[in-house]
Amino acid sequence: MSAGKPKVILLGEIEHAHDEWKRLAELAELISPKATSREDFIKECKSGDLDGAVATYRTFASFSITGRFDEELVSQLPDSLKFVCHNGAGYDQVDVASCTKRGIRVSNVPTAVDDATADITMFLMLGALRGLNTSIFALREGKFRGIPPPPLGHDPEGMVLGILGMGGIGRNLKKKADAFEMKVQYHNRSQLSEEMAGGAKYVSFDELLATSDVISLNLPLNANTRHIISTKEFEKMKKGVVIVNTARGAVMDEAALVAALDSGKVFSCGLDVYEEEPKVHPGLVANPHVLLVPHMGTWTVETARAMEVWNISNVRSALETGKLRSPVGEQASMK
C-alpha cells in the first residue's frame, strides 16, 4: 500500500462481498486488528497501531471482540476515526450519543433486511396462529400430531394485525399480511403519509394493544423502547393474543411474556430475538406454545450479501465524499 492512504478497520468478517471489499483497497489500506478481546482491542487502539484509520466496517458478530461501542470504547478509538459503518439494520450495539460527542458518524443497513425479516415474521406469525410447534415436536417423537392432539389453531384471514414500529420492515410486513387478508393497523412515533402506510390504520399505542389479534414488534431497541411491552401492556391486550418479535429481544420483558403465556392471556408467540442472546428464558423454552428461531431473520445468502454490499458502499461513500450513504436517524441533523 502506498504511504498516505487512509486506513479502514475491518471488525468481523466479509463472508460474501469479497470483490466489493477488495476494491476498497484502491482508496484505503484495509486492516484488521490483532485483538481477540475488548481489553486487547483497547490496548491496540492505545498503542497507535490503528492510527490513520478513518472508518471501521463492523459486523454484529464483532461484538465478541470489542463488546458494545459504548462511551469507554469510543473514547479510545483513534483520533482519525470519523465513521462507524455497522452491518445491520438494528444498531443498539453502538452508542450513537457517544459517537456524536466524538464527532464520529454512524451508519446502518436499513432496507436490505426488509424482505427477509418480514418473511421470517410471517413464518413465525402463521406458525404461532396455527399452534404448529407442539405437533412439530410430537412428529419427531413418533407421536404424529401429538397424544392427545393439540387444540385447533386459527386462520390469519380477517385477523387484526397490529404492527408496532412501521419502518421499512413493518411496511414490508404489511404488504405480505395483505396477501392473507389481514386487517392491518400500526403505531409509530409519528403517523405516516397515506401512501407510505399503504392502507394501514394509524392507532394509538393503547388502542393497538387493546384491539389487535396479533401484535408484531418491529421497532428499534433504545432507551425509550426497552421493555415497551411488559406486564401492564399485556394486561391491556385481548385474551388469546399472538405475539411476534423479530426486532430486538429487550423491547419486550421476557419474564412478563412468560407470565402472560402461562396465564393464557397470550395464546402463543413466535420469537426470533431474545433479551440475553444466546441465552433464552427457560420459561420460553419449556412452553410448547412458543415457536423459537435463533435470530435468523436475515439468515439468507441473498440478504447477507446485500447487507455487506450496502455496508461497503457506506465505507466507500465516507472515503470518497466524507458522507455516509445511510446515516442513522439520530444523526440526521449532524453537521
C-alpha atoms as a PDB file:
ATOM      1  CA  MET A   1       0.000   0.000   0.000  1.00  0.00           C
ATOM      2  CA  SER A   2       1.280   3.455  -0.825  1.00  0.00           C
ATOM      3  CA  ALA A   3       2.012   5.863   2.013  1.00  0.00           C
ATOM      4  CA  GLY A   4      -0.612   8.427   2.767  1.00  0.00           C
ATOM      5  CA  LYS A   5      -3.666   6.278   2.150  1.00  0.00           C
ATOM      6  CA  PRO A   6      -6.282   6.369   4.915  1.00  0.00           C
ATOM      7  CA  LYS A   7      -6.964   3.111   6.715  1.00  0.00           C
ATOM      8  CA  VAL A   8     -10.225   1.209   7.126  1.00  0.00           C
ATOM      9  CA  ILE A   9     -10.581  -1.201  10.054  1.00  0.00           C
ATOM     10  CA  LEU A  10     -12.478  -4.445   9.465  1.00  0.00           C
ATOM     11  CA  LEU A  11     -14.149  -5.668  12.644  1.00  0.00           C
ATOM     12  CA  GLY A  12     -15.543  -9.101  11.872  1.00  0.00           C
ATOM     13  CA  GLU A  13     -15.532 -10.981   8.580  1.00  0.00           C
ATOM     14  CA  ILE A  14     -16.561 -10.336   4.993  1.00  0.00           C
ATOM     15  CA  GLU A  15     -18.323 -13.547   4.030  1.00  0.00           C
ATOM     16  CA  HIS A  16     -19.907 -12.790   0.649  1.00  0.00           C
ATOM     17  CA  ALA A  17     -18.954  -9.459  -0.937  1.00  0.00           C
ATOM     18  CA  HIS A  18     -15.245 -10.217  -1.259  1.00  0.00           C
ATOM     19  CA  ASP A  19     -14.746  -8.449  -4.597  1.00  0.00           C
ATOM     20  CA  GLU A  20     -16.504  -5.281  -3.420  1.00  0.00           C
ATOM     21  CA  TRP A  21     -14.361  -5.226  -0.284  1.00  0.00           C
ATOM     22  CA  LYS A  22     -11.113  -5.779  -2.182  1.00  0.00           C
ATOM     23  CA  ARG A  23     -11.927  -2.875  -4.497  1.00  0.00           C
ATOM     24  CA  LEU A  24     -11.857  -0.545  -1.491  1.00  0.00           C
ATOM     25  CA  ALA A  25      -8.086  -1.087  -1.498  1.00  0.00           C
ATOM     26  CA  GLU A  26      -7.959   1.429  -4.354  1.00  0.00           C
ATOM     27  CA  LEU A  27      -8.974   4.067  -1.827  1.00  0.00           C
ATOM     28  CA  ALA A  28      -7.651   2.875   1.512  1.00  0.00           C
ATOM     29  CA  GLU A  29      -5.404   0.470   3.354  1.00  0.00           C
ATOM     30  CA  LEU A  30      -7.642  -2.317   4.641  1.00  0.00           C
ATOM     31  CA  ILE A  31      -6.566  -3.563   8.064  1.00  0.00           C
ATOM     32  CA  SER A  32      -7.837  -5.965  10.708  1.00  0.00           C
ATOM     33  CA  PRO A  33      -6.982  -5.672  14.394  1.00  0.00           C
ATOM     34  CA  LYS A  34      -4.997  -8.456  16.036  1.00  0.00           C
ATOM     35  CA  ALA A  35      -7.089  -8.243  19.199  1.00  0.00           C
ATOM     36  CA  THR A  36      -9.457 -11.055  20.135  1.00  0.00           C
ATOM     37  CA  SER A  37     -10.952  -9.389  23.222  1.00  0.00           C
ATOM     38  CA  ARG A  38     -12.245  -5.970  24.249  1.00  0.00           C
ATOM     39  CA  GLU A  39      -9.301  -5.423  26.591  1.00  0.00           C
ATOM     40  CA  ASP A  40      -6.811  -6.224  23.844  1.00  0.00           C
ATOM     41  CA  PHE A  41      -8.654  -4.061  21.322  1.00  0.00           C
ATOM     42  CA  ILE A  42      -8.498  -1.053  23.629  1.00  0.00           C
ATOM     43  CA  LYS A  43      -4.774  -1.708  24.149  1.00  0.00           C
ATOM     44  CA  GLU A  44      -4.308  -1.903  20.376  1.00  0.00           C
ATOM     45  CA  CYS A  45      -6.076   1.438  19.967  1.00  0.00           C
ATOM     46  CA  LYS A  46      -3.828   2.988  22.623  1.00  0.00           C
ATOM     47  CA  SER A  47      -0.692   1.529  21.008  1.00  0.00           C
ATOM     48  CA  GLY A  48      -1.127   3.648  17.892  1.00  0.00           C
ATOM     49  CA  ASP A  49      -1.264   0.628  15.553  1.00  0.00           C
ATOM     50  CA  LEU A  50      -4.699   1.713  14.298  1.00  0.00           C
ATOM     51  CA  ASP A  51      -3.829   5.397  13.891  1.00  0.00           C
ATOM     52  CA  GLY A  52      -4.730   6.767  10.482  1.00  0.00           C
ATOM     53  CA  ALA A  53      -7.946   4.760  10.304  1.00  0.00           C
ATOM     54  CA  VAL A  54     -10.838   6.974   9.209  1.00  0.00           C
ATOM     55  CA  ALA A  55     -13.578   4.357   9.115  1.00  0.00           C
ATOM     56  CA  THR A  56     -14.480   0.982  10.517  1.00  0.00           C
ATOM     57  CA  TYR A  57     -16.703  -1.669   8.996  1.00  0.00           C
ATOM     58  CA  ARG A  58     -18.212  -3.631  11.889  1.00  0.00           C
ATOM     59  CA  THR A  59     -20.372  -6.728  11.976  1.00  0.00           C
ATOM     60  CA  PHE A  60     -22.898  -7.883  14.564  1.00  0.00           C
ATOM     61  CA  ALA A  61     -20.570 -10.779  15.446  1.00  0.00           C
ATOM     62  CA  SER A  62     -17.638  -8.434  16.151  1.00  0.00           C
ATOM     63  CA  PHE A  63     -19.330  -7.725  19.491  1.00  0.00           C
ATOM     64  CA  SER A  64     -17.425 -10.791  20.742  1.00  0.00           C
ATOM     65  CA  ILE A  65     -14.163  -8.906  20.131  1.00  0.00           C
ATOM     66  CA  THR A  66     -14.940  -5.315  21.080  1.00  0.00           C
ATOM     67  CA  GLY A  67     -18.079  -5.542  23.168  1.00  0.00           C
ATOM     68  CA  ARG A  68     -20.507  -2.661  22.814  1.00  0.00           C
ATOM     69  CA  PHE A  69     -19.303   0.540  21.153  1.00  0.00           C
ATOM     70  CA  ASP A  70     -20.015   2.471  24.348  1.00  0.00           C
ATOM     71  CA  GLU A  71     -18.505   5.633  25.770  1.00  0.00           C
ATOM     72  CA  GLU A  72     -15.468   3.790  27.155  1.00  0.00           C
ATOM     73  CA  LEU A  73     -14.605   2.160  23.841  1.00  0.00           C
ATOM     74  CA  VAL A  74     -15.433   5.173  21.669  1.00  0.00           C
ATOM     75  CA  SER A  75     -13.129   7.357  23.777  1.00  0.00           C
ATOM     76  CA  GLN A  76     -10.217   5.028  22.950  1.00  0.00           C
ATOM     77  CA  LEU A  77     -10.724   4.910  19.173  1.00  0.00           C
ATOM     78  CA  PRO A  78      -8.041   6.611  17.042  1.00  0.00           C
ATOM     79  CA  ASP A  79      -8.495  10.389  16.764  1.00  0.00           C
ATOM     80  CA  SER A  80      -8.502   9.928  13.000  1.00  0.00           C
ATOM     81  CA  LEU A  81     -11.601   7.702  13.029  1.00  0.00           C
ATOM     82  CA  LYS A  82     -14.687   9.560  11.813  1.00  0.00           C
ATOM     83  CA  PHE A  83     -17.049   6.846  10.545  1.00  0.00           C
ATOM     84  CA  VAL A  84     -18.533   3.688  12.071  1.00  0.00           C
ATOM     85  CA  CYS A  85     -20.309   1.601   9.425  1.00  0.00           C
ATOM     86  CA  HIS A  86     -22.461  -1.052  11.086  1.00  0.00           C
ATOM     87  CA  ASN A  87     -23.569  -4.055   9.047  1.00  0.00           C
ATOM     88  CA  GLY A  88     -27.109  -4.384  10.343  1.00  0.00           C
ATOM     89  CA  ALA A  89     -30.454  -2.607  10.478  1.00  0.00           C
ATOM     90  CA  GLY A  90     -30.532  -2.543  14.278  1.00  0.00           C
ATOM     91  CA  TYR A  91     -27.572  -0.737  15.802  1.00  0.00           C
ATOM     92  CA  ASP A  92     -28.129  -0.962  19.552  1.00  0.00           C
ATOM     93  CA  GLN A  93     -24.566  -2.309  19.822  1.00  0.00           C
ATOM     94  CA  VAL A  94     -23.369   1.227  19.034  1.00  0.00           C
ATOM     95  CA  ASP A  95     -23.827   4.116  21.466  1.00  0.00           C
ATOM     96  CA  VAL A  96     -24.702   6.779  18.918  1.00  0.00           C
ATOM     97  CA  ALA A  97     -24.672   9.586  21.502  1.00  0.00           C
ATOM     98  CA  SER A  98     -21.061   8.798  22.445  1.00  0.00           C
ATOM     99  CA  CYS A  99     -20.084   8.685  18.775  1.00  0.00           C
ATOM    100  CA  THR A 100     -21.792  12.014  18.105  1.00  0.00           C
ATOM    101  CA  LYS A 101     -19.958  13.562  21.053  1.00  0.00           C
ATOM    102  CA  ARG A 102     -16.671  12.469  19.463  1.00  0.00           C
ATOM    103  CA  GLY A 103     -17.705  13.715  16.009  1.00  0.00           C
ATOM    104  CA  ILE A 104     -17.990  10.161  14.686  1.00  0.00           C
ATOM    105  CA  ARG A 105     -20.742   9.462  12.170  1.00  0.00           C
ATOM    106  CA  VAL A 106     -22.619   6.156  12.277  1.00  0.00           C
ATOM    107  CA  SER A 107     -24.421   4.307   9.507  1.00  0.00           C
ATOM    108  CA  ASN A 108     -26.565   1.195   9.387  1.00  0.00           C
ATOM    109  CA  VAL A 109     -28.009  -1.037   6.659  1.00  0.00           C
ATOM    110  CA  PRO A 110     -31.730  -0.227   6.577  1.00  0.00           C
ATOM    111  CA  THR A 111     -33.716  -1.533   3.602  1.00  0.00           C
ATOM    112  CA  ALA A 112     -31.543  -4.517   2.638  1.00  0.00           C
ATOM    113  CA  VAL A 113     -33.019  -6.532   5.516  1.00  0.00           C
ATOM    114  CA  ASP A 114     -36.693  -5.680   4.976  1.00  0.00           C
ATOM    115  CA  ASP A 115     -37.834  -8.621   2.863  1.00  0.00           C
ATOM    116  CA  ALA A 116     -36.045 -11.365   4.777  1.00  0.00           C
ATOM    117  CA  THR A 117     -37.081 -10.051   8.183  1.00  0.00           C
ATOM    118  CA  ALA A 118     -40.699  -9.609   7.129  1.00  0.00           C
ATOM    119  CA  ASP A 119     -40.624 -13.136   5.668  1.00  0.00           C
ATOM    120  CA  ILE A 120     -39.492 -14.691   8.963  1.00  0.00           C
ATOM    121  CA  THR A 121     -42.102 -12.582  10.768  1.00  0.00           C
ATOM    122  CA  MET A 122     -44.862 -14.070   8.604  1.00  0.00           C
ATOM    123  CA  PHE A 123     -43.459 -17.563   9.169  1.00  0.00           C
ATOM    124  CA  LEU A 124     -43.499 -17.078  12.942  1.00  0.00           C
ATOM    125  CA  MET A 125     -46.936 -15.450  12.831  1.00  0.00           C
ATOM    126  CA  LEU A 126     -48.507 -18.285  10.855  1.00  0.00           C
ATOM    127  CA  GLY A 127     -46.786 -20.932  12.956  1.00  0.00           C
ATOM    128  CA  ALA A 128     -47.936 -19.294  16.189  1.00  0.00           C
ATOM    129  CA  LEU A 129     -51.502 -18.778  14.959  1.00  0.00           C
ATOM    130  CA  ARG A 130     -51.769 -22.398  13.849  1.00  0.00           C
ATOM    131  CA  GLY A 131     -50.068 -23.697  17.002  1.00  0.00           C
ATOM    132  CA  LEU A 132     -47.706 -25.815  14.937  1.00  0.00           C
ATOM    133  CA  ASN A 133     -44.890 -26.050  17.465  1.00  0.00           C
ATOM    134  CA  THR A 134     -46.346 -28.832  19.624  1.00  0.00           C
ATOM    135  CA  SER A 135     -47.058 -31.116  16.662  1.00  0.00           C
ATOM    136  CA  ILE A 136     -43.673 -30.484  15.047  1.00  0.00           C
ATOM    137  CA  PHE A 137     -42.017 -31.922  18.155  1.00  0.00           C
ATOM    138  CA  ALA A 138     -44.612 -34.684  18.547  1.00  0.00           C
ATOM    139  CA  LEU A 139     -43.991 -35.831  14.977  1.00  0.00           C
ATOM    140  CA  ARG A 140     -40.252 -36.160  15.613  1.00  0.00           C
ATOM    141  CA  GLU A 141     -41.036 -38.222  18.709  1.00  0.00           C
ATOM    142  CA  GLY A 142     -43.165 -40.650  16.674  1.00  0.00           C
ATOM    143  CA  LYS A 143     -46.465 -39.307  18.054  1.00  0.00           C
ATOM    144  CA  PHE A 144     -47.711 -37.724  14.800  1.00  0.00           C
ATOM    145  CA  ARG A 145     -49.834 -34.676  15.802  1.00  0.00           C
ATOM    146  CA  GLY A 146     -49.463 -35.481  19.490  1.00  0.00           C
ATOM    147  CA  ILE A 147     -51.226 -37.531  22.146  1.00  0.00           C
ATOM    148  CA  PRO A 148     -53.687 -36.014  22.754  1.00  0.00           C
ATOM    149  CA  PRO A 149     -53.792 -33.847  19.604  1.00  0.00           C
ATOM    150  CA  PRO A 150     -53.210 -30.134  20.122  1.00  0.00           C
ATOM    151  CA  PRO A 151     -56.076 -27.615  20.154  1.00  0.00           C
ATOM    152  CA  LEU A 152     -57.104 -26.222  16.782  1.00  0.00           C
ATOM    153  CA  GLY A 153     -55.194 -23.179  15.562  1.00  0.00           C
ATOM    154  CA  HIS A 154     -56.501 -20.030  13.895  1.00  0.00           C
ATOM    155  CA  ASP A 155     -56.618 -18.689  10.345  1.00  0.00           C
ATOM    156  CA  PRO A 156     -54.984 -15.299   9.689  1.00  0.00           C
ATOM    157  CA  GLU A 157     -57.768 -14.129   7.370  1.00  0.00           C
ATOM    158  CA  GLY A 158     -59.795 -11.385   8.998  1.00  0.00           C
ATOM    159  CA  MET A 159     -57.455 -11.118  11.985  1.00  0.00           C
ATOM    160  CA  VAL A 160     -56.356  -7.661  13.128  1.00  0.00           C
ATOM    161  CA  LEU A 161     -52.573  -7.346  12.875  1.00  0.00           C
ATOM    162  CA  GLY A 162     -51.063  -4.581  14.980  1.00  0.00           C
ATOM    163  CA  ILE A 163     -47.604  -3.513  13.837  1.00  0.00           C
ATOM    164  CA  LEU A 164     -45.612  -1.678  16.481  1.00  0.00           C
ATOM    165  CA  GLY A 165     -42.972   0.200  14.500  1.00  0.00           C
ATOM    166  CA  MET A 166     -43.907   0.967  10.881  1.00  0.00           C
ATOM    167  CA  GLY A 167     -40.449   1.386   9.430  1.00  0.00           C
ATOM    168  CA  GLY A 168     -39.169  -0.455   6.378  1.00  0.00           C
ATOM    169  CA  ILE A 169     -39.695  -3.909   7.871  1.00  0.00           C
ATOM    170  CA  GLY A 170     -43.131  -3.017   9.235  1.00  0.00           C
ATOM    171  CA  ARG A 171     -44.265  -1.646   5.868  1.00  0.00           C
ATOM    172  CA  ASN A 172     -42.928  -4.738   4.091  1.00  0.00           C
ATOM    173  CA  LEU A 173     -44.782  -6.927   6.582  1.00  0.00           C
ATOM    174  CA  LYS A 174     -47.989  -5.012   5.897  1.00  0.00           C
ATOM    175  CA  LYS A 175     -47.776  -5.895   2.191  1.00  0.00           C
ATOM    176  CA  LYS A 176     -47.272  -9.565   2.990  1.00  0.00           C
ATOM    177  CA  ALA A 177     -50.125  -9.568   5.520  1.00  0.00           C
ATOM    178  CA  ASP A 178     -52.412  -8.148   2.827  1.00  0.00           C
ATOM    179  CA  ALA A 179     -51.996 -11.414   0.902  1.00  0.00           C
ATOM    180  CA  PHE A 180     -53.512 -13.213   3.908  1.00  0.00           C
ATOM    181  CA  GLU A 181     -56.422 -10.745   4.074  1.00  0.00           C
ATOM    182  CA  MET A 182     -55.444  -9.465   7.497  1.00  0.00           C
ATOM    183  CA  LYS A 183     -56.672  -6.084   8.749  1.00  0.00           C
ATOM    184  CA  VAL A 184     -53.543  -4.069   9.474  1.00  0.00           C
ATOM    185  CA  GLN A 185     -53.163  -1.231  11.953  1.00  0.00           C
ATOM    186  CA  TYR A 186     -49.994   0.332  13.303  1.00  0.00           C
ATOM    187  CA  HIS A 187     -48.478   2.616  15.872  1.00  0.00           C
ATOM    188  CA  ASN A 188     -45.375   4.676  15.212  1.00  0.00           C
ATOM    189  CA  ARG A 189     -43.597   7.652  16.711  1.00  0.00           C
ATOM    190  CA  SER A 190     -45.418   9.666  14.066  1.00  0.00           C
ATOM    191  CA  GLN A 191     -48.220   8.932  11.635  1.00  0.00           C
ATOM    192  CA  LEU A 192     -47.120   8.043   8.125  1.00  0.00           C
ATOM    193  CA  SER A 193     -48.479   9.541   4.939  1.00  0.00           C
ATOM    194  CA  GLU A 194     -51.353   7.586   3.395  1.00  0.00           C
ATOM    195  CA  GLU A 195     -49.038   6.456   0.610  1.00  0.00           C
ATOM    196  CA  MET A 196     -46.394   5.111   2.988  1.00  0.00           C
ATOM    197  CA  ALA A 197     -48.957   3.487   5.273  1.00  0.00           C
ATOM    198  CA  GLY A 198     -50.366   1.597   2.296  1.00  0.00           C
ATOM    199  CA  GLY A 199     -53.861   1.482   3.744  1.00  0.00           C
ATOM    200  CA  ALA A 200     -52.856   0.524   7.286  1.00  0.00           C
ATOM    201  CA  LYS A 201     -54.813   2.324  10.001  1.00  0.00           C
ATOM    202  CA  TYR A 202     -52.902   4.552  12.426  1.00  0.00           C
ATOM    203  CA  VAL A 203     -53.927   3.997  16.065  1.00  0.00           C
ATOM    204  CA  SER A 204     -52.647   4.992  19.493  1.00  0.00           C
ATOM    205  CA  PHE A 205     -50.353   2.637  21.376  1.00  0.00           C
ATOM    206  CA  ASP A 206     -53.118   1.676  23.823  1.00  0.00           C
ATOM    207  CA  GLU A 207     -55.630   1.067  21.025  1.00  0.00           C
ATOM    208  CA  LEU A 208     -53.166  -1.169  19.212  1.00  0.00           C
ATOM    209  CA  LEU A 209     -52.694  -3.219  22.384  1.00  0.00           C
ATOM    210  CA  ALA A 210     -56.413  -3.486  23.083  1.00  0.00           C
ATOM    211  CA  THR A 211     -57.726  -4.283  19.616  1.00  0.00           C
ATOM    212  CA  SER A 212     -55.080  -6.393  17.853  1.00  0.00           C
ATOM    213  CA  ASP A 213     -55.416 -10.171  17.474  1.00  0.00           C
ATOM    214  CA  VAL A 214     -51.744 -10.402  16.531  1.00  0.00           C
ATOM    215  CA  ILE A 215     -49.047  -7.930  17.593  1.00  0.00           C
ATOM    216  CA  SER A 216     -45.764  -7.761  15.698  1.00  0.00           C
ATOM    217  CA  LEU A 217     -42.828  -5.884  17.219  1.00  0.00           C
ATOM    218  CA  ASN A 218     -40.785  -4.146  14.520  1.00  0.00           C
ATOM    219  CA  LEU A 219     -39.212  -1.208  16.327  1.00  0.00           C
ATOM    220  CA  PRO A 220     -35.566  -0.443  17.180  1.00  0.00           C
ATOM    221  CA  LEU A 221     -34.152  -1.004  20.639  1.00  0.00           C
ATOM    222  CA  ASN A 222     -33.152   2.132  22.502  1.00  0.00           C
ATOM    223  CA  ALA A 223     -33.637   3.693  25.929  1.00  0.00           C
ATOM    224  CA  ASN A 224     -37.239   4.614  25.054  1.00  0.00           C
ATOM    225  CA  THR A 225     -38.274   1.215  23.701  1.00  0.00           C
ATOM    226  CA  ARG A 226     -36.612  -1.149  26.185  1.00  0.00           C
ATOM    227  CA  HIS A 227     -39.422  -3.243  27.753  1.00  0.00           C
ATOM    228  CA  ILE A 228     -42.036  -1.212  25.894  1.00  0.00           C
ATOM    229  CA  ILE A 229     -44.071  -4.409  26.226  1.00  0.00           C
ATOM    230  CA  SER A 230     -44.266  -5.561  29.855  1.00  0.00           C
ATOM    231  CA  THR A 231     -46.829  -6.598  32.456  1.00  0.00           C
ATOM    232  CA  LYS A 232     -49.155  -3.594  32.216  1.00  0.00           C
ATOM    233  CA  GLU A 233     -49.118  -3.735  28.410  1.00  0.00           C
ATOM    234  CA  PHE A 234     -50.060  -7.434  28.420  1.00  0.00           C
ATOM    235  CA  GLU A 235     -52.945  -6.586  30.740  1.00  0.00           C
ATOM    236  CA  LYS A 236     -54.357  -4.251  28.080  1.00  0.00           C
ATOM    237  CA  MET A 237     -54.293  -6.901  25.336  1.00  0.00           C
ATOM    238  CA  LYS A 238     -57.048  -9.222  24.175  1.00  0.00           C
ATOM    239  CA  LYS A 239     -57.164 -12.644  25.803  1.00  0.00           C
ATOM    240  CA  GLY A 240     -55.642 -15.106  23.339  1.00  0.00           C
ATOM    241  CA  VAL A 241     -53.444 -12.571  21.557  1.00  0.00           C
ATOM    242  CA  VAL A 242     -50.488 -13.798  19.480  1.00  0.00           C
ATOM    243  CA  ILE A 243     -47.144 -12.005  19.830  1.00  0.00           C
ATOM    244  CA  VAL A 244     -44.312 -11.976  17.287  1.00  0.00           C
ATOM    245  CA  ASN A 245     -40.917 -10.365  17.896  1.00  0.00           C
ATOM    246  CA  THR A 246     -38.282 -10.077  15.183  1.00  0.00           C
ATOM    247  CA  ALA A 247     -36.919  -6.714  16.369  1.00  0.00           C
ATOM    248  CA  ARG A 248     -34.709  -6.968  19.456  1.00  0.00           C
ATOM    249  CA  GLY A 249     -35.336  -9.172  22.462  1.00  0.00           C
ATOM    250  CA  ALA A 250     -35.220  -6.401  25.041  1.00  0.00           C
ATOM    251  CA  VAL A 251     -38.119  -4.419  23.564  1.00  0.00           C
ATOM    252  CA  MET A 252     -40.230  -6.975  25.435  1.00  0.00           C
ATOM    253  CA  ASP A 253     -39.952  -8.061  29.056  1.00  0.00           C
ATOM    254  CA  GLU A 254     -39.430 -11.819  28.662  1.00  0.00           C
ATOM    255  CA  ALA A 255     -40.405 -12.618  32.247  1.00  0.00           C
ATOM    256  CA  ALA A 256     -43.688 -10.766  31.730  1.00  0.00           C
ATOM    257  CA  LEU A 257     -44.227 -12.653  28.457  1.00  0.00           C
ATOM    258  CA  VAL A 258     -43.720 -15.994  30.196  1.00  0.00           C
ATOM    259  CA  ALA A 259     -46.289 -15.000  32.839  1.00  0.00           C
ATOM    260  CA  ALA A 260     -48.764 -13.911  30.135  1.00  0.00           C
ATOM    261  CA  LEU A 261     -48.322 -17.228  28.316  1.00  0.00           C
ATOM    262  CA  ASP A 262     -48.739 -19.240  31.491  1.00  0.00           C
ATOM    263  CA  SER A 263     -51.938 -17.362  32.385  1.00  0.00           C
ATOM    264  CA  GLY A 264     -53.427 -17.871  28.915  1.00  0.00           C
ATOM    265  CA  LYS A 265     -53.507 -14.151  28.176  1.00  0.00           C
ATOM    266  CA  VAL A 266     -51.162 -14.840  25.269  1.00  0.00           C
ATOM    267  CA  PHE A 267     -52.234 -17.805  23.119  1.00  0.00           C
ATOM    268  CA  SER A 268     -48.833 -18.307  21.556  1.00  0.00           C
ATOM    269  CA  CYS A 269     -45.848 -16.398  20.286  1.00  0.00           C
ATOM    270  CA  GLY A 270     -43.138 -16.553  17.655  1.00  0.00           C
ATOM    271  CA  LEU A 271     -39.701 -15.235  18.569  1.00  0.00           C
ATOM    272  CA  ASP A 272     -36.519 -14.658  16.598  1.00  0.00           C
ATOM    273  CA  VAL A 273     -34.769 -12.461  19.181  1.00  0.00           C
ATOM    274  CA  TYR A 274     -34.117 -12.671  22.910  1.00  0.00           C
ATOM    275  CA  GLU A 275     -33.186 -10.379  25.781  1.00  0.00           C
ATOM    276  CA  GLU A 276     -29.891 -12.075  26.603  1.00  0.00           C
ATOM    277  CA  GLU A 277     -28.884 -13.823  23.390  1.00  0.00           C
ATOM    278  CA  PRO A 278     -27.731 -16.534  23.061  1.00  0.00           C
ATOM    279  CA  LYS A 279     -29.470 -17.319  26.368  1.00  0.00           C
ATOM    280  CA  VAL A 280     -33.216 -17.922  26.121  1.00  0.00           C
ATOM    281  CA  HIS A 281     -35.560 -17.598  29.101  1.00  0.00           C
ATOM    282  CA  PRO A 282     -36.217 -21.162  30.377  1.00  0.00           C
ATOM    283  CA  GLY A 283     -39.925 -20.377  30.626  1.00  0.00           C
ATOM    284  CA  LEU A 284     -39.998 -19.809  26.861  1.00  0.00           C
ATOM    285  CA  VAL A 285     -38.050 -22.980  26.082  1.00  0.00           C
ATOM    286  CA  ALA A 286     -40.360 -25.047  28.289  1.00  0.00           C
ATOM    287  CA  ASN A 287     -43.615 -23.689  26.826  1.00  0.00           C
ATOM    288  CA  PRO A 288     -44.884 -25.816  23.916  1.00  0.00           C
ATOM    289  CA  HIS A 289     -46.863 -22.878  22.524  1.00  0.00           C
ATOM    290  CA  VAL A 290     -43.759 -20.816  21.825  1.00  0.00           C
ATOM    291  CA  LEU A 291     -42.199 -21.039  18.366  1.00  0.00           C
ATOM    292  CA  LEU A 292     -38.492 -20.213  18.664  1.00  0.00           C
ATOM    293  CA  VAL A 293     -35.969 -19.323  15.950  1.00  0.00           C
ATOM    294  CA  PRO A 294     -32.351 -18.431  16.859  1.00  0.00           C
ATOM    295  CA  HIS A 295     -32.054 -14.890  15.396  1.00  0.00           C
ATOM    296  CA  MET A 296     -32.266 -15.940  11.740  1.00  0.00           C
ATOM    297  CA  GLY A 297     -34.316 -13.066  10.355  1.00  0.00           C
ATOM    298  CA  THR A 298     -31.647 -12.171   7.799  1.00  0.00           C
ATOM    299  CA  TRP A 299     -30.069 -15.634   7.582  1.00  0.00           C
ATOM    300  CA  THR A 300     -30.140 -15.988   3.798  1.00  0.00           C
ATOM    301  CA  VAL A 301     -27.360 -15.864   1.239  1.00  0.00           C
ATOM    302  CA  GLU A 302     -29.096 -13.128  -0.730  1.00  0.00           C
ATOM    303  CA  THR A 303     -29.756 -10.846   2.227  1.00  0.00           C
ATOM    304  CA  ALA A 304     -26.359 -11.401   3.852  1.00  0.00           C
ATOM    305  CA  ARG A 305     -24.647 -10.422   0.609  1.00  0.00           C
ATOM    306  CA  ALA A 306     -26.920  -7.432   0.056  1.00  0.00           C
ATOM    307  CA  MET A 307     -26.162  -6.190   3.581  1.00  0.00           C
ATOM    308  CA  GLU A 308     -22.412  -6.462   3.051  1.00  0.00           C
ATOM    309  CA  VAL A 309     -22.576  -4.665  -0.299  1.00  0.00           C
ATOM    310  CA  TRP A 310     -24.639  -1.882   1.279  1.00  0.00           C
ATOM    311  CA  ASN A 311     -22.268  -1.502   4.217  1.00  0.00           C
ATOM    312  CA  ILE A 312     -19.243  -1.437   1.915  1.00  0.00           C
ATOM    313  CA  SER A 313     -20.981   1.323  -0.038  1.00  0.00           C
ATOM    314  CA  ASN A 314     -21.196   3.311   3.194  1.00  0.00           C
ATOM    315  CA  VAL A 315     -17.448   2.938   3.680  1.00  0.00           C
ATOM    316  CA  ARG A 316     -16.811   3.911   0.051  1.00  0.00           C
ATOM    317  CA  SER A 317     -19.056   6.953   0.341  1.00  0.00           C
ATOM    318  CA  ALA A 318     -17.230   8.026   3.512  1.00  0.00           C
ATOM    319  CA  LEU A 319     -13.870   7.764   1.749  1.00  0.00           C
ATOM    320  CA  GLU A 320     -14.951   9.461  -1.476  1.00  0.00           C
ATOM    321  CA  THR A 321     -17.337  12.146  -0.237  1.00  0.00           C
ATOM    322  CA  GLY A 322     -16.906  12.420   3.520  1.00  0.00           C
ATOM    323  CA  LYS A 323     -20.583  11.460   3.907  1.00  0.00           C
ATOM    324  CA  LEU A 324     -22.413   8.229   4.647  1.00  0.00           C
ATOM    325  CA  ARG A 325     -24.998   6.717   2.338  1.00  0.00           C
ATOM    326  CA  SER A 326     -27.358   5.772   5.166  1.00  0.00           C
ATOM    327  CA  PRO A 327     -26.613   7.671   8.391  1.00  0.00           C
ATOM    328  CA  VAL A 328     -28.602   6.633  11.445  1.00  0.00           C
ATOM    329  CA  GLY A 329     -31.650   8.722  12.250  1.00  0.00           C
ATOM    330  CA  GLU A 330     -30.228  10.231  15.430  1.00  0.00           C
ATOM    331  CA  GLN A 331     -27.519  11.941  13.364  1.00  0.00           C
ATOM    332  CA  ALA A 332     -29.746  13.238  10.573  1.00  0.00           C
ATOM    333  CA  SER A 333     -29.081  16.832  11.586  1.00  0.00           C
ATOM    334  CA  MET A 334     -25.406  16.341  12.452  1.00  0.00           C
ATOM    335  CA  LYS A 335     -23.158  18.837  10.665  1.00  0.00           C
END
